[in-house]
Amino acid sequence: MLKATLRKAFKDSLPILAGYLALGIGFGVLLQSKGFSFWWAILMSCTIYAGAGQYAAVDLLSSGASLITTAIMTLIINARHFFYGFSLLDRYKGTGKAKPYMIFALTDETYSLVCTAKIPEGIDEKKYYLFISVLDQLYWISGCTIGALLGTFIPFNSTGIDFAMTALFVVIFIEQWLGTREHLPAILGAATTLVCLFVFGSQYFIIPSMVLIAIELVIFRKRLEQVDCENDGEKGVSGDE
């Protein structure tokens, strides 16, 4: 069962492998272009492991920002993970000693896989979630290290590389839209974010939009749970067939 679970996790995470290698290489090149050794890429990927946060950290570190400024910016950039965590409380229940690492390793892409995964019989669901988390981080570490090493030996023009994370988020949004019948969460998220951007401005809209989206999802929770139950029922029927 363990080998089958690992194979399933690896197969499902192959799109993340492709994305993380590309994004990680971009980060490594950007980091090296600012004068940091490739060891920084490995260290940051092992301890921070936050794509958008690491990209932002490059500019913060190179500009001499204070630790307080860096901490506040990191909190704002990754505030969405609080809400990710709340929605995974049931899925991660019973994961034992692996739970702290799985919480640490929760990224946008890992969250997307965990939420949309179709677990067949014979697969250990909890181990599957753990393997997804471990594999995704290994992909990210590999990409960042490769990029930093390439940047050390081959000169690159790093202009525009920091847009890579934005492009990835757009791709995730499109995949989620195409992969589900219920588009209410996506519509709420996009509309609320645009309103908050207009009201609070580009520097302060993230936290208010996350809070409002969380409230809206609580309000529409019953509707969304009903859709999930209908989807589970359809999976069961197709499985019986």
Protein backbone atom coordinates (compact mmCIF):
# COMPACT_ATOMS: atom_id res chain seq x y z
CA MET A 1 0.00 0.00 0.00
CA LEU A 2 2.83 2.39 0.85
CA LYS A 3 4.48 2.03 -2.57
CA ALA A 4 1.16 2.41 -4.34
CA THR A 5 0.44 5.54 -2.32
CA LEU A 6 3.83 7.00 -3.19
CA ARG A 7 3.36 6.22 -6.89
CA LYS A 8 -0.07 7.85 -6.82
CA ALA A 9 1.32 10.97 -5.09
CA PHE A 10 4.23 11.21 -7.53
CA LYS A 11 1.97 10.83 -10.56
CA ASP A 12 -0.47 13.46 -9.30
CA SER A 13 2.33 15.87 -8.42
CA LEU A 14 4.05 15.77 -11.83
CA PRO A 15 2.43 19.07 -12.94
CA ILE A 16 3.80 20.64 -9.74
CA LEU A 17 7.22 19.20 -10.56
CA ALA A 18 7.22 20.99 -13.90
CA GLY A 19 5.99 24.24 -12.38
CA TYR A 20 8.26 24.23 -9.36
CA LEU A 21 11.36 23.46 -11.38
CA ALA A 22 10.64 26.42 -13.66
CA LEU A 23 9.69 28.77 -10.82
CA GLY A 24 12.49 27.54 -8.59
CA ILE A 25 15.07 28.07 -11.30
CA GLY A 26 13.73 31.59 -11.77
CA PHE A 27 14.06 32.26 -8.05
CA GLY A 28 17.58 30.84 -7.94
CA VAL A 29 18.68 32.99 -10.86
CA LEU A 30 17.10 36.08 -9.30
CA LEU A 31 18.70 35.36 -5.92
CA GLN A 32 22.14 34.87 -7.43
CA SER A 33 21.79 38.03 -9.53
CA LYS A 34 21.44 39.99 -6.27
CA GLY A 35 24.79 38.66 -5.08
CA PHE A 36 23.69 35.79 -2.82
CA SER A 37 25.41 32.39 -2.85
CA PHE A 38 23.51 29.30 -4.01
CA TRP A 39 23.54 28.08 -0.39
CA TRP A 40 20.99 30.80 0.34
CA ALA A 41 18.65 29.18 -2.18
CA ILE A 42 18.87 25.82 -0.40
CA LEU A 43 18.52 27.35 3.07
CA MET A 44 15.53 29.51 2.17
CA SER A 45 13.78 26.67 0.35
CA CYS A 46 14.21 24.34 3.32
CA THR A 47 13.18 26.80 6.04
CA ILE A 48 10.91 29.41 4.42
CA TYR A 49 9.45 27.38 1.54
CA ALA A 50 7.10 30.05 0.25
CA GLY A 51 7.36 30.94 -3.40
CA ALA A 52 5.92 34.44 -3.30
CA GLY A 53 7.53 35.06 0.08
CA GLN A 54 10.95 34.00 -1.16
CA TYR A 55 10.69 36.16 -4.28
CA ALA A 56 9.75 39.13 -2.10
CA ALA A 57 12.54 38.30 0.38
CA VAL A 58 15.15 38.75 -2.35
CA ASP A 59 14.25 42.41 -2.77
CA LEU A 60 13.88 42.90 0.98
CA LEU A 61 17.28 41.39 1.73
CA SER A 62 19.06 43.19 -1.10
CA SER A 63 17.54 46.54 -0.09
CA GLY A 64 18.64 46.18 3.55
CA ALA A 65 15.12 46.01 5.00
CA SER A 66 14.83 45.52 8.75
CA LEU A 67 13.75 42.24 10.33
CA ILE A 68 10.48 43.82 11.47
CA THR A 69 9.67 45.00 7.95
CA THR A 70 10.55 41.61 6.55
CA ALA A 71 8.38 39.84 9.13
CA ILE A 72 5.36 42.06 8.44
CA MET A 73 5.69 41.68 4.68
CA THR A 74 6.01 37.91 5.01
CA LEU A 75 2.89 37.77 7.20
CA ILE A 76 0.88 39.84 4.72
CA ILE A 77 2.02 37.86 1.69
CA ASN A 78 1.27 34.49 3.30
CA ALA A 79 -1.84 35.44 5.28
CA ARG A 80 -3.96 33.36 2.92
CA HIS A 81 -2.44 30.22 4.44
CA PHE A 82 -4.41 30.79 7.64
CA PHE A 83 -7.59 30.26 5.65
CA TYR A 84 -6.14 27.31 3.74
CA GLY A 85 -5.38 25.65 7.06
CA PHE A 86 -8.90 26.05 8.41
CA SER A 87 -10.34 24.25 5.39
CA LEU A 88 -7.97 21.29 5.81
CA LEU A 89 -8.60 20.56 9.49
CA ASP A 90 -10.68 17.47 8.70
CA ARG A 91 -8.39 16.17 5.95
CA TYR A 92 -5.27 16.43 8.13
CA LYS A 93 -6.96 14.94 11.21
CA GLY A 94 -5.23 11.76 12.32
CA THR A 95 -1.92 12.44 10.57
CA GLY A 96 -0.04 12.19 13.88
CA LYS A 97 3.56 13.34 14.07
CA ALA A 98 3.54 14.33 10.40
CA LYS A 99 0.96 17.07 10.97
CA PRO A 100 3.42 19.88 11.96
CA TYR A 101 5.45 19.30 8.81
CA MET A 102 2.33 19.11 6.63
CA ILE A 103 1.18 22.43 8.06
CA PHE A 104 4.58 23.96 7.34
CA ALA A 105 4.68 22.50 3.82
CA LEU A 106 1.23 23.76 2.81
CA THR A 107 1.62 25.84 -0.34
CA ASP A 108 -0.92 27.01 -2.91
CA GLU A 109 -0.08 24.13 -5.22
CA THR A 110 -0.09 21.49 -2.47
CA TYR A 111 -3.42 22.85 -1.25
CA SER A 112 -4.82 22.57 -4.76
CA LEU A 113 -3.74 18.93 -5.07
CA VAL A 114 -5.01 17.97 -1.62
CA CYS A 115 -8.40 19.55 -2.22
CA THR A 116 -8.96 18.04 -5.66
CA ALA A 117 -7.34 14.63 -5.12
CA LYS A 118 -9.39 11.56 -5.98
CA ILE A 119 -8.20 8.84 -3.60
CA PRO A 120 -8.93 5.33 -4.94
CA GLU A 121 -9.22 2.22 -2.81
CA GLY A 122 -5.91 0.78 -1.68
CA ILE A 123 -4.34 4.20 -1.16
CA ASP A 124 -3.55 5.48 2.33
CA GLU A 125 -5.19 8.90 2.30
CA LYS A 126 -3.14 10.42 5.13
CA LYS A 127 0.16 9.10 3.74
CA TYR A 128 -0.86 10.42 0.34
CA TYR A 129 -1.19 13.93 1.72
CA LEU A 130 2.20 13.60 3.42
CA PHE A 131 3.91 12.34 0.26
CA ILE A 132 2.41 15.20 -1.76
CA SER A 133 3.84 17.69 0.75
CA VAL A 134 7.31 16.11 0.77
CA LEU A 135 7.54 15.68 -3.00
CA ASP A 136 6.43 19.25 -3.69
CA GLN A 137 9.05 20.68 -1.37
CA LEU A 138 11.76 18.49 -2.90
CA TYR A 139 10.76 19.80 -6.34
CA TRP A 140 11.01 23.37 -5.08
CA ILE A 141 14.39 22.85 -3.41
CA SER A 142 15.73 21.23 -6.56
CA GLY A 143 14.52 24.03 -8.82
CA CYS A 144 15.90 26.79 -6.58
CA THR A 145 19.27 25.07 -6.26
CA ILE A 146 19.56 24.45 -10.01
CA GLY A 147 18.68 28.08 -10.74
CA ALA A 148 21.21 29.42 -8.25
CA LEU A 149 23.95 27.17 -9.65
CA LEU A 150 23.11 28.14 -13.23
CA GLY A 151 23.15 31.80 -12.26
CA THR A 152 26.60 31.35 -10.78
CA PHE A 153 28.13 30.10 -14.03
CA ILE A 154 25.88 31.58 -16.72
CA PRO A 155 24.97 35.30 -16.78
CA PHE A 156 21.22 35.94 -16.97
CA ASN A 157 19.06 39.02 -17.38
CA SER A 158 16.67 38.62 -14.43
CA THR A 159 14.23 41.31 -15.55
CA GLY A 160 10.66 40.06 -15.28
CA ILE A 161 11.48 36.80 -13.52
CA ASP A 162 9.56 37.88 -10.42
CA PHE A 163 6.33 37.79 -12.50
CA ALA A 164 6.56 33.98 -12.56
CA MET A 165 4.58 33.58 -9.31
CA THR A 166 1.73 35.73 -10.65
CA ALA A 167 1.60 33.58 -13.77
CA LEU A 168 1.45 30.43 -11.66
CA PHE A 169 -1.46 31.74 -9.57
CA VAL A 170 -3.37 32.51 -12.77
CA VAL A 171 -2.80 28.96 -14.03
CA ILE A 172 -3.99 27.48 -10.69
CA PHE A 173 -7.12 29.62 -10.83
CA ILE A 174 -7.92 28.46 -14.37
CA GLU A 175 -7.35 24.79 -13.49
CA GLN A 176 -9.60 25.08 -10.44
CA TRP A 177 -12.26 26.77 -12.57
CA LEU A 178 -12.16 24.07 -15.24
CA GLY A 179 -11.97 21.23 -12.72
CA THR A 180 -15.09 22.09 -10.70
CA ARG A 181 -18.74 22.73 -11.48
CA GLU A 182 -19.25 25.13 -8.57
CA HIS A 183 -17.64 28.47 -9.44
CA LEU A 184 -19.04 30.46 -6.54
CA PRO A 185 -15.78 30.46 -4.48
CA ALA A 186 -13.79 31.67 -7.49
CA ILE A 187 -16.32 34.40 -8.29
CA LEU A 188 -16.47 35.53 -4.66
CA GLY A 189 -12.69 35.56 -4.41
CA ALA A 190 -12.14 37.54 -7.60
CA ALA A 191 -14.95 40.04 -6.96
CA THR A 192 -14.03 40.61 -3.31
CA THR A 193 -10.36 41.08 -4.14
CA LEU A 194 -11.14 43.65 -6.84
CA VAL A 195 -13.43 45.59 -4.49
CA CYS A 196 -10.81 45.59 -1.72
CA LEU A 197 -8.12 46.63 -4.18
CA PHE A 198 -10.24 49.61 -5.18
CA VAL A 199 -11.19 50.52 -1.60
CA PHE A 200 -7.92 49.91 0.28
CA GLY A 201 -5.31 50.31 -2.44
CA SER A 202 -2.61 47.95 -3.67
CA GLN A 203 -0.59 48.06 -0.43
CA TYR A 204 -3.33 47.12 2.02
CA PHE A 205 -5.97 45.07 0.18
CA ILE A 206 -4.67 41.53 0.91
CA ILE A 207 -5.71 41.14 4.57
CA PRO A 208 -9.20 42.72 4.18
CA SER A 209 -9.91 40.63 1.08
CA MET A 210 -8.84 37.40 2.84
CA VAL A 211 -11.03 38.18 5.86
CA LEU A 212 -14.06 39.00 3.71
CA ILE A 213 -13.59 35.91 1.54
CA ALA A 214 -13.44 33.74 4.68
CA ILE A 215 -16.68 35.28 5.95
CA GLU A 216 -18.37 34.77 2.58
CA LEU A 217 -17.31 31.11 2.44
CA VAL A 218 -18.76 30.58 5.93
CA ILE A 219 -22.04 32.15 4.81
CA PHE A 220 -22.23 29.89 1.73
CA ARG A 221 -20.80 26.85 3.52
CA LYS A 222 -23.96 24.75 3.32
CA ARG A 223 -24.29 25.29 -0.41
CA LEU A 224 -20.66 24.35 -1.01
CA GLU A 225 -20.87 21.27 1.23
CA GLN A 226 -23.97 20.16 -0.66
CA VAL A 227 -22.05 20.38 -3.93
CA ASP A 228 -19.19 18.35 -2.41
CA CYS A 229 -21.64 15.65 -1.30
CA GLU A 230 -23.16 15.51 -4.79
CA ASN A 231 -19.69 15.14 -6.31
CA ASP A 232 -18.82 12.36 -3.84
CA GLY A 233 -22.04 10.61 -4.76
CA GLU A 234 -21.21 10.78 -8.44
CA LYS A 235 -17.72 9.36 -7.74
CA GLY A 236 -19.30 6.51 -5.82
CA VAL A 237 -21.69 5.69 -8.67
CA SER A 238 -18.89 5.77 -11.24
CA GLY A 239 -16.76 3.60 -8.94
CA ASP A 240 -19.54 1.02 -8.63
CA GLU A 241 -19.82 0.86 -12.36
